[in-house]
C-alpha atoms as a PDB file:
ATOM      1  CA  UNK A   1     147.023  99.793 113.101  1.00  0.00           C
ATOM      2  CA  UNK A   2     145.063 102.932 113.919  1.00  0.00           C
ATOM      3  CA  UNK A   3     143.697 104.796 110.931  1.00  0.00           C
ATOM      4  CA  UNK A   4     144.765 108.413 110.706  1.00  0.00           C
ATOM      5  CA  UNK A   5     142.004 110.746 111.778  1.00  0.00           C
ATOM      6  CA  UNK A   6     141.011 113.578 109.395  1.00  0.00           C
ATOM      7  CA  UNK A   7     141.732 116.162 112.105  1.00  0.00           C
ATOM      8  CA  UNK A   8     145.489 115.991 111.561  1.00  0.00           C
ATOM      9  CA  UNK A   9     145.250 116.009 107.776  1.00  0.00           C
ATOM     10  CA  UNK A  10     143.100 119.119 108.073  1.00  0.00           C
ATOM     11  CA  UNK A  11     145.651 120.859 110.263  1.00  0.00           C
ATOM     12  CA  UNK A  12     148.239 120.472 107.536  1.00  0.00           C
ATOM     13  CA  UNK A  13     146.065 121.886 104.775  1.00  0.00           C
ATOM     14  CA  UNK A  14     143.482 124.219 106.299  1.00  0.00           C
ATOM     15  CA  UNK A  15     144.249 127.915 106.381  1.00  0.00           C
ATOM     16  CA  UNK A  16     144.484 129.178 109.980  1.00  0.00           C
ATOM     17  CA  UNK A  17     143.097 132.527 108.859  1.00  0.00           C
ATOM     18  CA  UNK A  18     139.826 130.888 107.779  1.00  0.00           C
ATOM     19  CA  UNK A  19     139.273 129.445 111.244  1.00  0.00           C
ATOM     20  CA  UNK A  20     140.282 132.733 112.849  1.00  0.00           C
ATOM     21  CA  UNK A  21     137.801 134.654 110.706  1.00  0.00           C
ATOM     22  CA  UNK A  22     135.013 132.207 111.508  1.00  0.00           C
ATOM     23  CA  UNK A  23     135.745 132.351 115.238  1.00  0.00           C
ATOM     24  CA  UNK A  24     135.753 136.153 115.070  1.00  0.00           C
ATOM     25  CA  UNK A  25     132.404 136.133 113.264  1.00  0.00           C
ATOM     26  CA  UNK A  26     130.933 133.814 115.901  1.00  0.00           C
ATOM     27  CA  UNK A  27     132.235 136.126 118.629  1.00  0.00           C
ATOM     28  CA  UNK A  28     130.570 139.150 117.001  1.00  0.00           C
ATOM     29  CA  UNK A  29     127.227 137.348 116.697  1.00  0.00           C
ATOM     30  CA  UNK A  30     127.569 136.217 120.319  1.00  0.00           C
ATOM     31  CA  UNK A  31     128.014 139.811 121.480  1.00  0.00           C
ATOM     32  CA  UNK A  32     124.940 140.884 119.512  1.00  0.00           C
ATOM     33  CA  UNK A  33     122.910 138.025 121.008  1.00  0.00           C
ATOM     34  CA  UNK A  34     124.067 139.015 124.507  1.00  0.00           C
ATOM     35  CA  UNK A  35     122.901 142.588 123.918  1.00  0.00           C
ATOM     36  CA  UNK A  36     119.592 141.279 122.565  1.00  0.00           C
ATOM     37  CA  UNK A  37     119.155 139.153 125.689  1.00  0.00           C
ATOM     38  CA  UNK A  38     119.522 142.306 127.785  1.00  0.00           C
ATOM     39  CA  UNK A  39     117.152 144.364 125.622  1.00  0.00           C
ATOM     40  CA  UNK A  40     114.299 141.907 125.056  1.00  0.00           C
ATOM     41  CA  UNK A  41     111.893 140.536 127.629  1.00  0.00           C
ATOM     42  CA  UNK A  42     108.478 141.286 129.044  1.00  0.00           C
ATOM     43  CA  UNK A  43     109.537 144.948 128.937  1.00  0.00           C
ATOM     44  CA  UNK A  44     111.521 145.929 125.859  1.00  0.00           C
ATOM     45  CA  UNK A  45     114.547 148.182 126.400  1.00  0.00           C
ATOM     46  CA  UNK A  46     116.354 150.099 123.702  1.00  0.00           C
ATOM     47  CA  UNK A  47     120.085 149.475 123.173  1.00  0.00           C
ATOM     48  CA  UNK A  48     120.660 153.158 123.943  1.00  0.00           C
ATOM     49  CA  UNK A  49     118.956 152.847 127.341  1.00  0.00           C
ATOM     50  CA  UNK A  50     120.955 149.715 128.095  1.00  0.00           C
ATOM     51  CA  UNK A  51     124.217 151.401 127.110  1.00  0.00           C
ATOM     52  CA  UNK A  52     123.464 154.446 129.258  1.00  0.00           C
ATOM     53  CA  UNK A  53     122.578 152.210 132.191  1.00  0.00           C
ATOM     54  CA  UNK A  54     125.926 150.442 131.963  1.00  0.00           C
ATOM     55  CA  UNK A  55     127.615 153.846 131.932  1.00  0.00           C
ATOM     56  CA  UNK A  56     125.896 154.630 135.228  1.00  0.00           C
ATOM     57  CA  UNK A  57     123.552 157.293 133.877  1.00  0.00           C
ATOM     58  CA  UNK A  58     120.379 155.366 134.704  1.00  0.00           C
ATOM     59  CA  UNK A  59     121.189 154.373 138.267  1.00  0.00           C
ATOM     60  CA  UNK A  60     118.113 153.901 140.438  1.00  0.00           C
ATOM     61  CA  UNK A  61     115.681 153.630 137.525  1.00  0.00           C
ATOM     62  CA  UNK A  62     113.348 150.751 136.762  1.00  0.00           C
ATOM     63  CA  UNK A  63     115.425 149.947 133.697  1.00  0.00           C
ATOM     64  CA  UNK A  64     118.565 149.607 135.795  1.00  0.00           C
ATOM     65  CA  UNK A  65     116.765 147.341 138.256  1.00  0.00           C
ATOM     66  CA  UNK A  66     115.485 145.117 135.431  1.00  0.00           C
ATOM     67  CA  UNK A  67     118.916 144.900 133.823  1.00  0.00           C
ATOM     68  CA  UNK A  68     121.062 144.253 136.888  1.00  0.00           C
ATOM     69  CA  UNK A  69     118.592 142.178 138.898  1.00  0.00           C
ATOM     70  CA  UNK A  70     117.121 139.968 136.183  1.00  0.00           C
ATOM     71  CA  UNK A  71     118.478 140.171 132.663  1.00  0.00           C
ATOM     72  CA  UNK A  72     122.229 140.499 133.170  1.00  0.00           C
ATOM     73  CA  UNK A  73     122.578 137.518 135.556  1.00  0.00           C
ATOM     74  CA  UNK A  74     120.230 135.526 133.321  1.00  0.00           C
ATOM     75  CA  UNK A  75     122.287 136.288 130.207  1.00  0.00           C
ATOM     76  CA  UNK A  76     125.571 135.505 131.968  1.00  0.00           C
ATOM     77  CA  UNK A  77     124.113 132.241 133.263  1.00  0.00           C
ATOM     78  CA  UNK A  78     122.964 131.285 129.758  1.00  0.00           C
ATOM     79  CA  UNK A  79     126.448 131.926 128.373  1.00  0.00           C
ATOM     80  CA  UNK A  80     128.128 129.918 131.125  1.00  0.00           C
ATOM     81  CA  UNK A  81     125.665 127.029 130.909  1.00  0.00           C
ATOM     82  CA  UNK A  82     125.773 126.834 127.112  1.00  0.00           C
ATOM     83  CA  UNK A  83     129.571 126.895 127.062  1.00  0.00           C
ATOM     84  CA  UNK A  84     129.851 124.318 129.856  1.00  0.00           C
ATOM     85  CA  UNK A  85     127.403 121.821 128.346  1.00  0.00           C
ATOM     86  CA  UNK A  86     128.908 122.187 124.878  1.00  0.00           C
ATOM     87  CA  UNK A  87     132.456 121.568 126.088  1.00  0.00           C
ATOM     88  CA  UNK A  88     131.268 118.642 128.206  1.00  0.00           C
ATOM     89  CA  UNK A  89     129.500 117.158 125.181  1.00  0.00           C
ATOM     90  CA  UNK A  90     132.598 117.618 123.022  1.00  0.00           C
ATOM     91  CA  UNK A  91     134.754 115.899 125.650  1.00  0.00           C
ATOM     92  CA  UNK A  92     132.375 112.945 125.957  1.00  0.00           C
ATOM     93  CA  UNK A  93     132.041 112.492 122.204  1.00  0.00           C
ATOM     94  CA  UNK A  94     135.832 112.429 121.907  1.00  0.00           C
ATOM     95  CA  UNK A  95     136.363 110.230 124.956  1.00  0.00           C
ATOM     96  CA  UNK A  96     133.796 107.625 123.914  1.00  0.00           C
ATOM     97  CA  UNK A  97     134.351 108.125 120.162  1.00  0.00           C
ATOM     98  CA  UNK A  98     130.579 108.324 119.855  1.00  0.00           C
ATOM     99  CA  UNK A  99     129.041 111.380 118.144  1.00  0.00           C
ATOM    100  CA  UNK A 100     125.746 110.817 119.985  1.00  0.00           C
ATOM    101  CA  UNK A 101     127.348 111.056 123.420  1.00  0.00           C
ATOM    102  CA  UNK A 102     126.512 113.984 125.669  1.00  0.00           C
ATOM    103  CA  UNK A 103     125.740 114.490 129.384  1.00  0.00           C
ATOM    104  CA  UNK A 104     121.971 114.381 128.861  1.00  0.00           C
ATOM    105  CA  UNK A 105     121.684 111.435 126.458  1.00  0.00           C
ATOM    106  CA  UNK A 106     124.103 109.198 128.388  1.00  0.00           C
ATOM    107  CA  UNK A 107     122.414 109.822 131.731  1.00  0.00           C
ATOM    108  CA  UNK A 108     125.149 111.945 133.311  1.00  0.00           C
ATOM    109  CA  UNK A 109     122.645 114.772 133.799  1.00  0.00           C
ATOM    110  CA  UNK A 110     120.310 112.310 135.528  1.00  0.00           C
ATOM    111  CA  UNK A 111     123.177 111.284 137.797  1.00  0.00           C
ATOM    112  CA  UNK A 112     123.799 114.932 138.642  1.00  0.00           C
ATOM    113  CA  UNK A 113     120.124 115.333 139.486  1.00  0.00           C
ATOM    114  CA  UNK A 114     120.391 112.281 141.731  1.00  0.00           C
ATOM    115  CA  UNK A 115     123.349 113.795 143.574  1.00  0.00           C
ATOM    116  CA  UNK A 116     121.445 117.022 144.174  1.00  0.00           C
ATOM    117  CA  UNK A 117     118.349 115.144 145.331  1.00  0.00           C
ATOM    118  CA  UNK A 118     120.346 113.000 147.762  1.00  0.00           C
ATOM    119  CA  UNK A 119     121.969 116.030 149.371  1.00  0.00           C
ATOM    120  CA  UNK A 120     118.796 118.090 149.507  1.00  0.00           C
ATOM    121  CA  UNK A 121     116.448 115.363 150.723  1.00  0.00           C
ATOM    122  CA  UNK A 122     118.984 113.438 152.766  1.00  0.00           C
ATOM    123  CA  UNK A 123     120.008 116.497 154.744  1.00  0.00           C
ATOM    124  CA  UNK A 124     116.418 117.410 155.466  1.00  0.00           C
ATOM    125  CA  UNK A 125     116.658 120.644 153.506  1.00  0.00           C
ATOM    126  CA  UNK A 126     113.454 121.577 151.725  1.00  0.00           C
ATOM    127  CA  UNK A 127     113.530 121.254 147.975  1.00  0.00           C
ATOM    128  CA  UNK A 128     111.922 124.622 147.718  1.00  0.00           C
ATOM    129  CA  UNK A 129     114.684 126.218 149.765  1.00  0.00           C
ATOM    130  CA  UNK A 130     117.253 124.767 147.417  1.00  0.00           C
ATOM    131  CA  UNK A 131     115.472 125.945 144.323  1.00  0.00           C
ATOM    132  CA  UNK A 132     114.905 129.419 145.721  1.00  0.00           C
ATOM    133  CA  UNK A 133     118.083 129.928 147.652  1.00  0.00           C
ATOM    134  CA  UNK A 134     121.134 127.955 148.726  1.00  0.00           C
ATOM    135  CA  UNK A 135     123.028 131.163 148.093  1.00  0.00           C
ATOM    136  CA  UNK A 136     125.692 130.738 150.728  1.00  0.00           C
ATOM    137  CA  UNK A 137     129.110 129.609 149.546  1.00  0.00           C
ATOM    138  CA  UNK A 138     129.126 126.308 151.452  1.00  0.00           C
ATOM    139  CA  UNK A 139     125.663 125.310 150.277  1.00  0.00           C
ATOM    140  CA  UNK A 140     126.421 126.136 146.643  1.00  0.00           C
ATOM    141  CA  UNK A 141     129.709 124.212 146.683  1.00  0.00           C
ATOM    142  CA  UNK A 142     128.000 121.238 148.325  1.00  0.00           C
ATOM    143  CA  UNK A 143     125.348 121.187 145.619  1.00  0.00           C
ATOM    144  CA  UNK A 144     127.952 121.358 142.836  1.00  0.00           C
ATOM    145  CA  UNK A 145     130.053 118.633 144.490  1.00  0.00           C
ATOM    146  CA  UNK A 146     127.008 116.382 144.844  1.00  0.00           C
ATOM    147  CA  UNK A 147     125.986 116.972 141.227  1.00  0.00           C
ATOM    148  CA  UNK A 148     129.529 116.230 140.002  1.00  0.00           C
ATOM    149  CA  UNK A 149     129.802 113.017 142.010  1.00  0.00           C
ATOM    150  CA  UNK A 150     126.350 111.956 140.840  1.00  0.00           C
ATOM    151  CA  UNK A 151     127.401 112.500 137.243  1.00  0.00           C
ATOM    152  CA  UNK A 152     130.574 110.481 137.785  1.00  0.00           C
ATOM    153  CA  UNK A 153     128.538 107.706 139.398  1.00  0.00           C
ATOM    154  CA  UNK A 154     126.726 107.257 136.093  1.00  0.00           C
ATOM    155  CA  UNK A 155     129.605 108.057 133.757  1.00  0.00           C
ATOM    156  CA  UNK A 156     132.111 105.524 135.153  1.00  0.00           C
ATOM    157  CA  UNK A 157     130.055 102.368 134.391  1.00  0.00           C
ATOM    158  CA  UNK A 158     129.150 103.763 130.970  1.00  0.00           C
ATOM    159  CA  UNK A 159     132.833 104.283 130.199  1.00  0.00           C
ATOM    160  CA  UNK A 160     133.654 100.754 131.411  1.00  0.00           C
ATOM    161  CA  UNK A 161     131.022  99.371 129.058  1.00  0.00           C
ATOM    162  CA  UNK A 162     132.381 101.529 126.230  1.00  0.00           C
ATOM    163  CA  UNK A 163     135.891 100.079 126.657  1.00  0.00           C
ATOM    164  CA  UNK A 164     134.544  96.536 126.294  1.00  0.00           C
ATOM    165  CA  UNK A 165     132.005  97.025 123.526  1.00  0.00           C
ATOM    166  CA  UNK A 166     132.798  98.248 120.029  1.00  0.00           C
ATOM    167  CA  UNK A 167     129.249  99.268 119.099  1.00  0.00           C
ATOM    168  CA  UNK A 168     128.455 102.946 119.785  1.00  0.00           C
ATOM    169  CA  UNK A 169     124.765 102.082 119.556  1.00  0.00           C
ATOM    170  CA  UNK A 170     125.025  99.549 122.389  1.00  0.00           C
ATOM    171  CA  UNK A 171     126.853 102.059 124.580  1.00  0.00           C
ATOM    172  CA  UNK A 172     124.228 104.669 123.802  1.00  0.00           C
ATOM    173  CA  UNK A 173     121.385 102.311 124.742  1.00  0.00           C
ATOM    174  CA  UNK A 174     123.191 101.370 127.965  1.00  0.00           C
ATOM    175  CA  UNK A 175     123.563 105.049 128.830  1.00  0.00           C
ATOM    176  CA  UNK A 176     119.921 105.778 128.098  1.00  0.00           C
ATOM    177  CA  UNK A 177     118.744 102.890 130.265  1.00  0.00           C
ATOM    178  CA  UNK A 178     121.068 103.919 133.080  1.00  0.00           C
ATOM    179  CA  UNK A 179     119.703 107.452 132.868  1.00  0.00           C
ATOM    180  CA  UNK A 180     116.121 106.187 133.029  1.00  0.00           C
ATOM    181  CA  UNK A 181     116.929 104.019 136.056  1.00  0.00           C
ATOM    182  CA  UNK A 182     118.575 106.917 137.875  1.00  0.00           C
ATOM    183  CA  UNK A 183     115.687 109.227 137.008  1.00  0.00           C
ATOM    184  CA  UNK A 184     113.273 106.648 138.421  1.00  0.00           C
ATOM    185  CA  UNK A 185     115.229 106.633 141.685  1.00  0.00           C
ATOM    186  CA  UNK A 186     115.081 110.444 141.825  1.00  0.00           C
ATOM    187  CA  UNK A 187     111.315 110.228 141.332  1.00  0.00           C
ATOM    188  CA  UNK A 188     111.089 107.883 144.312  1.00  0.00           C
ATOM    189  CA  UNK A 189     113.113 110.326 146.428  1.00  0.00           C
ATOM    190  CA  UNK A 190     110.834 113.264 145.677  1.00  0.00           C
ATOM    191  CA  UNK A 191     107.614 111.267 145.961  1.00  0.00           C
ATOM    192  CA  UNK A 192     107.268 112.174 149.629  1.00  0.00           C
ATOM    193  CA  UNK A 193     107.740 115.899 149.116  1.00  0.00           C
ATOM    194  CA  UNK A 194     105.004 118.422 149.765  1.00  0.00           C
ATOM    195  CA  UNK A 195     102.846 119.541 146.807  1.00  0.00           C
ATOM    196  CA  UNK A 196     104.422 122.996 146.609  1.00  0.00           C
ATOM    197  CA  UNK A 197     107.902 121.461 146.706  1.00  0.00           C
ATOM    198  CA  UNK A 198     106.954 119.081 143.910  1.00  0.00           C
ATOM    199  CA  UNK A 199     105.754 122.039 141.852  1.00  0.00           C
ATOM    200  CA  UNK A 200     109.099 123.780 142.269  1.00  0.00           C
ATOM    201  CA  UNK A 201     110.991 120.572 141.499  1.00  0.00           C
ATOM    202  CA  UNK A 202     108.964 120.116 138.317  1.00  0.00           C
ATOM    203  CA  UNK A 203     109.720 123.700 137.285  1.00  0.00           C
ATOM    204  CA  UNK A 204     113.417 123.057 137.940  1.00  0.00           C
ATOM    205  CA  UNK A 205     113.229 119.962 135.733  1.00  0.00           C
ATOM    206  CA  UNK A 206     112.025 122.073 132.811  1.00  0.00           C
ATOM    207  CA  UNK A 207     115.266 124.045 132.909  1.00  0.00           C
ATOM    208  CA  UNK A 208     115.766 127.760 133.444  1.00  0.00           C
ATOM    209  CA  UNK A 209     118.526 130.355 133.435  1.00  0.00           C
ATOM    210  CA  UNK A 210     116.401 132.863 135.337  1.00  0.00           C
ATOM    211  CA  UNK A 211     116.662 131.505 138.885  1.00  0.00           C
ATOM    212  CA  UNK A 212     120.442 131.948 139.289  1.00  0.00           C
ATOM    213  CA  UNK A 213     121.369 134.888 141.502  1.00  0.00           C
ATOM    214  CA  UNK A 214     124.533 136.977 141.644  1.00  0.00           C
ATOM    215  CA  UNK A 215     125.571 135.093 144.806  1.00  0.00           C
ATOM    216  CA  UNK A 216     125.217 131.751 143.027  1.00  0.00           C
ATOM    217  CA  UNK A 217     127.117 133.070 140.019  1.00  0.00           C
ATOM    218  CA  UNK A 218     130.072 133.723 142.328  1.00  0.00           C
ATOM    219  CA  UNK A 219     130.298 129.944 142.708  1.00  0.00           C
ATOM    220  CA  UNK A 220     129.018 128.785 139.330  1.00  0.00           C
ATOM    221  CA  UNK A 221     131.285 130.989 137.203  1.00  0.00           C
ATOM    222  CA  UNK A 222     134.635 129.914 138.776  1.00  0.00           C
ATOM    223  CA  UNK A 223     133.657 126.220 138.651  1.00  0.00           C
ATOM    224  CA  UNK A 224     132.703 126.400 134.968  1.00  0.00           C
ATOM    225  CA  UNK A 225     135.782 128.536 134.270  1.00  0.00           C
ATOM    226  CA  UNK A 226     137.998 125.886 135.863  1.00  0.00           C
ATOM    227  CA  UNK A 227     136.384 123.110 133.824  1.00  0.00           C
ATOM    228  CA  UNK A 228     136.766 125.010 130.561  1.00  0.00           C
ATOM    229  CA  UNK A 229     140.377 125.863 131.431  1.00  0.00           C
ATOM    230  CA  UNK A 230     141.165 122.170 131.963  1.00  0.00           C
ATOM    231  CA  UNK A 231     139.516 121.342 128.641  1.00  0.00           C
ATOM    232  CA  UNK A 232     141.577 124.036 126.927  1.00  0.00           C
ATOM    233  CA  UNK A 233     144.809 122.750 128.448  1.00  0.00           C
ATOM    234  CA  UNK A 234     144.028 119.182 127.303  1.00  0.00           C
ATOM    235  CA  UNK A 235     143.504 119.960 123.607  1.00  0.00           C
ATOM    236  CA  UNK A 236     146.556 117.930 122.561  1.00  0.00           C
ATOM    237  CA  UNK A 237     145.381 114.954 124.603  1.00  0.00           C
ATOM    238  CA  UNK A 238     141.849 115.173 123.197  1.00  0.00           C
ATOM    239  CA  UNK A 239     143.228 115.153 119.656  1.00  0.00           C
ATOM    240  CA  UNK A 240     145.296 112.100 120.548  1.00  0.00           C
ATOM    241  CA  UNK A 241     142.209 110.306 121.884  1.00  0.00           C
ATOM    242  CA  UNK A 242     140.608 110.709 118.462  1.00  0.00           C
ATOM    243  CA  UNK A 243     143.234 108.319 117.117  1.00  0.00           C
ATOM    244  CA  UNK A 244     142.633 105.720 119.806  1.00  0.00           C
ATOM    245  CA  UNK A 245     144.389 104.318 122.858  1.00  0.00           C
ATOM    246  CA  UNK A 246     147.372 102.947 120.938  1.00  0.00           C
ATOM    247  CA  UNK A 247     148.257 106.279 119.366  1.00  0.00           C
ATOM    248  CA  UNK A 248     147.782 108.107 122.669  1.00  0.00           C
ATOM    249  CA  UNK A 249     150.197 105.748 124.417  1.00  0.00           C
ATOM    250  CA  UNK A 250     152.716 106.112 121.581  1.00  0.00           C
ATOM    251  CA  UNK A 251     152.728 109.852 122.318  1.00  0.00           C
ATOM    252  CA  UNK A 252     153.617 109.142 125.915  1.00  0.00           C
ATOM    253  CA  UNK A 253     150.174 109.980 127.278  1.00  0.00           C
ATOM    254  CA  UNK A 254     148.707 108.195 130.268  1.00  0.00           C
ATOM    255  CA  UNK A 255     145.397 107.201 128.710  1.00  0.00           C
ATOM    256  CA  UNK A 256     143.846 106.089 132.001  1.00  0.00           C
ATOM    257  CA  UNK A 257     144.667 109.391 133.687  1.00  0.00           C
ATOM    258  CA  UNK A 258     143.410 111.273 130.633  1.00  0.00           C
ATOM    259  CA  UNK A 259     140.132 109.392 130.711  1.00  0.00           C
ATOM    260  CA  UNK A 260     139.708 110.070 134.426  1.00  0.00           C
ATOM    261  CA  UNK A 261     140.463 113.772 134.026  1.00  0.00           C
ATOM    262  CA  UNK A 262     138.110 114.101 131.062  1.00  0.00           C
ATOM    263  CA  UNK A 263     135.333 112.257 132.894  1.00  0.00           C
ATOM    264  CA  UNK A 264     135.791 114.423 135.971  1.00  0.00           C
ATOM    265  CA  UNK A 265     135.827 117.661 133.986  1.00  0.00           C
ATOM    266  CA  UNK A 266     132.772 116.767 131.913  1.00  0.00           C
ATOM    267  CA  UNK A 267     130.873 115.698 135.045  1.00  0.00           C
ATOM    268  CA  UNK A 268     131.855 118.895 136.859  1.00  0.00           C
ATOM    269  CA  UNK A 269     130.705 121.071 133.957  1.00  0.00           C
ATOM    270  CA  UNK A 270     127.427 119.225 133.454  1.00  0.00           C
ATOM    271  CA  UNK A 271     126.837 118.827 137.183  1.00  0.00           C
ATOM    272  CA  UNK A 272     127.294 122.489 138.041  1.00  0.00           C
ATOM    273  CA  UNK A 273     124.873 123.573 135.305  1.00  0.00           C
ATOM    274  CA  UNK A 274     122.338 120.921 136.335  1.00  0.00           C
ATOM    275  CA  UNK A 275     122.544 121.964 139.977  1.00  0.00           C
ATOM    276  CA  UNK A 276     121.542 125.572 139.327  1.00  0.00           C
ATOM    277  CA  UNK A 277     119.749 125.559 135.966  1.00  0.00           C
ATOM    278  CA  UNK A 278     118.113 122.144 135.888  1.00  0.00           C
ATOM    279  CA  UNK A 279     118.745 119.312 133.411  1.00  0.00           C
ATOM    280  CA  UNK A 280     119.271 121.229 130.158  1.00  0.00           C
ATOM    281  CA  UNK A 281     119.059 118.852 127.228  1.00  0.00           C
ATOM    282  CA  UNK A 282     120.447 118.699 123.674  1.00  0.00           C
ATOM    283  CA  UNK A 283     122.988 121.540 123.879  1.00  0.00           C
ATOM    284  CA  UNK A 284     125.792 119.122 124.703  1.00  0.00           C
ATOM    285  CA  UNK A 285     125.096 116.850 121.764  1.00  0.00           C
ATOM    286  CA  UNK A 286     124.151 119.442 119.152  1.00  0.00           C
ATOM    287  CA  UNK A 287     126.697 122.236 119.555  1.00  0.00           C
ATOM    288  CA  UNK A 288     129.884 120.167 118.930  1.00  0.00           C
ATOM    289  CA  UNK A 289     128.394 118.947 115.644  1.00  0.00           C
ATOM    290  CA  UNK A 290     127.411 122.474 114.671  1.00  0.00           C
ATOM    291  CA  UNK A 291     130.978 123.578 115.438  1.00  0.00           C
ATOM    292  CA  UNK A 292     132.418 120.774 113.281  1.00  0.00           C
ATOM    293  CA  UNK A 293     130.099 121.686 110.410  1.00  0.00           C
ATOM    294  CA  UNK A 294     130.835 125.412 110.601  1.00  0.00           C
ATOM    295  CA  UNK A 295     134.611 125.027 110.907  1.00  0.00           C
ATOM    296  CA  UNK A 296     134.863 121.826 108.833  1.00  0.00           C
ATOM    297  CA  UNK A 297     137.402 120.501 111.281  1.00  0.00           C
ATOM    298  CA  UNK A 298     137.806 117.870 113.980  1.00  0.00           C
ATOM    299  CA  UNK A 299     140.813 119.621 115.535  1.00  0.00           C
ATOM    300  CA  UNK A 300     140.093 120.488 119.160  1.00  0.00           C
ATOM    301  CA  UNK A 301     142.352 123.513 118.881  1.00  0.00           C
ATOM    302  CA  UNK A 302     139.503 125.232 117.045  1.00  0.00           C
ATOM    303  CA  UNK A 303     136.603 123.054 118.227  1.00  0.00           C
ATOM    304  CA  UNK A 304     137.005 123.940 121.912  1.00  0.00           C
ATOM    305  CA  UNK A 305     136.775 127.744 121.480  1.00  0.00           C
ATOM    306  CA  UNK A 306     134.083 127.325 118.813  1.00  0.00           C
ATOM    307  CA  UNK A 307     132.016 125.078 121.098  1.00  0.00           C
ATOM    308  CA  UNK A 308     132.374 127.588 123.940  1.00  0.00           C
ATOM    309  CA  UNK A 309     131.102 130.501 121.854  1.00  0.00           C
ATOM    310  CA  UNK A 310     128.473 128.583 119.885  1.00  0.00           C
ATOM    311  CA  UNK A 311     127.195 126.982 123.093  1.00  0.00           C
ATOM    312  CA  UNK A 312     126.826 130.400 124.707  1.00  0.00           C
ATOM    313  CA  UNK A 313     125.214 131.789 121.538  1.00  0.00           C
ATOM    314  CA  UNK A 314     122.649 128.993 121.165  1.00  0.00           C
ATOM    315  CA  UNK A 315     121.815 129.111 124.884  1.00  0.00           C
ATOM    316  CA  UNK A 316     121.117 132.846 124.560  1.00  0.00           C
ATOM    317  CA  UNK A 317     118.959 132.252 121.474  1.00  0.00           C
ATOM    318  CA  UNK A 318     117.062 129.492 123.289  1.00  0.00           C
ATOM    319  CA  UNK A 319     116.449 131.853 126.205  1.00  0.00           C
ATOM    320  CA  UNK A 320     115.163 134.548 123.839  1.00  0.00           C
ATOM    321  CA  UNK A 321     112.840 132.059 122.127  1.00  0.00           C
ATOM    322  CA  UNK A 322     111.556 130.865 125.505  1.00  0.00           C
ATOM    323  CA  UNK A 323     110.569 134.448 126.332  1.00  0.00           C
ATOM    324  CA  UNK A 324     108.543 134.943 123.138  1.00  0.00           C
ATOM    325  CA  UNK A 325     104.963 136.010 123.880  1.00  0.00           C
ATOM    326  CA  UNK A 326     102.598 133.053 123.935  1.00  0.00           C
ATOM    327  CA  UNK A 327      99.370 131.997 125.556  1.00  0.00           C
ATOM    328  CA  UNK A 328     101.386 129.700 127.823  1.00  0.00           C
ATOM    329  CA  UNK A 329     103.597 132.473 129.200  1.00  0.00           C
ATOM    330  CA  UNK A 330     107.317 131.661 129.311  1.00  0.00           C
ATOM    331  CA  UNK A 331     108.053 128.516 127.299  1.00  0.00           C
ATOM    332  CA  UNK A 332     109.960 125.654 128.985  1.00  0.00           C
ATOM    333  CA  UNK A 333     113.643 126.029 128.144  1.00  0.00           C
ATOM    334  CA  UNK A 334     114.106 122.297 127.587  1.00  0.00           C
ATOM    335  CA  UNK A 335     111.366 122.348 124.944  1.00  0.00           C
ATOM    336  CA  UNK A 336     113.226 125.060 123.045  1.00  0.00           C
ATOM    337  CA  UNK A 337     116.612 123.332 123.264  1.00  0.00           C
ATOM    338  CA  UNK A 338     114.984 120.094 122.081  1.00  0.00           C
ATOM    339  CA  UNK A 339     113.593 121.874 119.015  1.00  0.00           C
ATOM    340  CA  UNK A 340     117.109 123.117 118.269  1.00  0.00           C
ATOM    341  CA  UNK A 341     118.996 119.923 119.078  1.00  0.00           C
ATOM    342  CA  UNK A 342     116.685 117.194 117.774  1.00  0.00           C
ATOM    343  CA  UNK A 343     117.217 118.020 114.060  1.00  0.00           C
ATOM    344  CA  UNK A 344     120.975 117.893 114.635  1.00  0.00           C
ATOM    345  CA  UNK A 345     120.693 114.429 116.220  1.00  0.00           C
ATOM    346  CA  UNK A 346     118.525 113.223 113.334  1.00  0.00           C
ATOM    347  CA  UNK A 347     121.086 114.550 110.859  1.00  0.00           C
ATOM    348  CA  UNK A 348     123.909 112.706 112.662  1.00  0.00           C
ATOM    349  CA  UNK A 349     121.924 109.448 112.647  1.00  0.00           C
ATOM    350  CA  UNK A 350     121.180 109.791 108.941  1.00  0.00           C
ATOM    351  CA  UNK A 351     124.909 110.128 108.283  1.00  0.00           C
ATOM    352  CA  UNK A 352     125.542 106.714 109.823  1.00  0.00           C
ATOM    353  CA  UNK A 353     127.814 104.489 107.760  1.00  0.00           C
ATOM    354  CA  UNK A 354     128.690 100.803 108.008  1.00  0.00           C
ATOM    355  CA  UNK A 355     126.535 100.320 111.090  1.00  0.00           C
ATOM    356  CA  UNK A 356     128.270 103.059 113.045  1.00  0.00           C
ATOM    357  CA  UNK A 357     128.101 106.777 113.412  1.00  0.00           C
ATOM    358  CA  UNK A 358     130.268 109.457 111.903  1.00  0.00           C
ATOM    359  CA  UNK A 359     131.230 112.528 113.886  1.00  0.00           C
END
C-alpha cells in the first residue's frame, strides 16, 4: 500500500495565509530584483532615471537605448528562463520521484543541445548565424522544436529505466552517462566548424541571457508561457504522482498520459531556454528545493507559483552577479548558477536516508 505523502497532511493543517504571505514577499523581492537588473550594469542608472524612461520622458536618450535595447530584454529573458527551468525541474523531480532530477543533471539539456546542433549543422546554417540571429518566426520555432525533441530523445529512455529500477541513484547515474554520451556526439558535430564558429558555440555553452532579442522573445515568451500554463493546470495530477502510480490510478488519472504530458512539457521548457540561452545548469535542481524549504510544503498548489517566482528571482540575481566588475570581464553565467546550486545539491545529498534521497 502506498504511504501517504506529507503534502496532503500539510494541506489539512497549514494556514493558507502563511503561504500567501510568503508568496507575496517573494513577489515583492522579485520586483525589486527586476528593477535592480535594469539599473545595474556597465553603466549604472538611477531608479528615477529608469522610471522616467518608462514614462516616456527620456525617449531618444542613451539611457533609453541602454534600457530598451539591452537591459529590459535581458531581464525579461532571465525571468522567463529561471521560471521555465525551475518548473521543469519540479516536474521531473515529481515525475521520477527523485529530488536530484533536473533537465541539466539528467542529460535533457544535452539532448536539447543535440537537437539544436542537428538542425543548425544538418541544414548547412552557420552556427554563428544561429547564435547571432535566427530571429525570424520560422527559424525560432524550428530551433525550439528541435531542442524539445532532442530533450525528449534523452528523457524517454531515462524514464523507462526509472520505471524498472527502484534506486534513484542508479537512475541518476544513467542520466548522467546518457548526457555525457550525447554531449560527446554534439562535440563531434561541431568539430568541423570554423574557428570563429567554435568560439561562438563555446560562448553559447557558457550560458547567457544577453543574446536574446525582442524578436526572439516573441517566440520564447509564448512557448514558456504555454509550458507553465500546462504545469499550472496539472497541479492535481502532479500531487497524485507524489503518491505513486497506484494512487494516481485510483483517482481515475491516466498515468501514462500524465507521464507523457509532463515529459513533453518539461522538455519544451528546458529545450526552449537551451535553444536561446545555452545550457543553463543547476537552476532546475536547486530552485524546487529552495521553494520546499521556504514554504515547508510539498503541495504543488504552492510549489508551482513559488518555483516560478523564485526561479525568476535567482536567475536575475545570477545575472547581476555575472555582471560584477572583475578582471575577467563578464563572468560565465553557468559558473554563477553552479555556485548557487551546488550547495543545495550537497545539502540534499547529506539529507539522504536509508540509501535513498529525501525531497
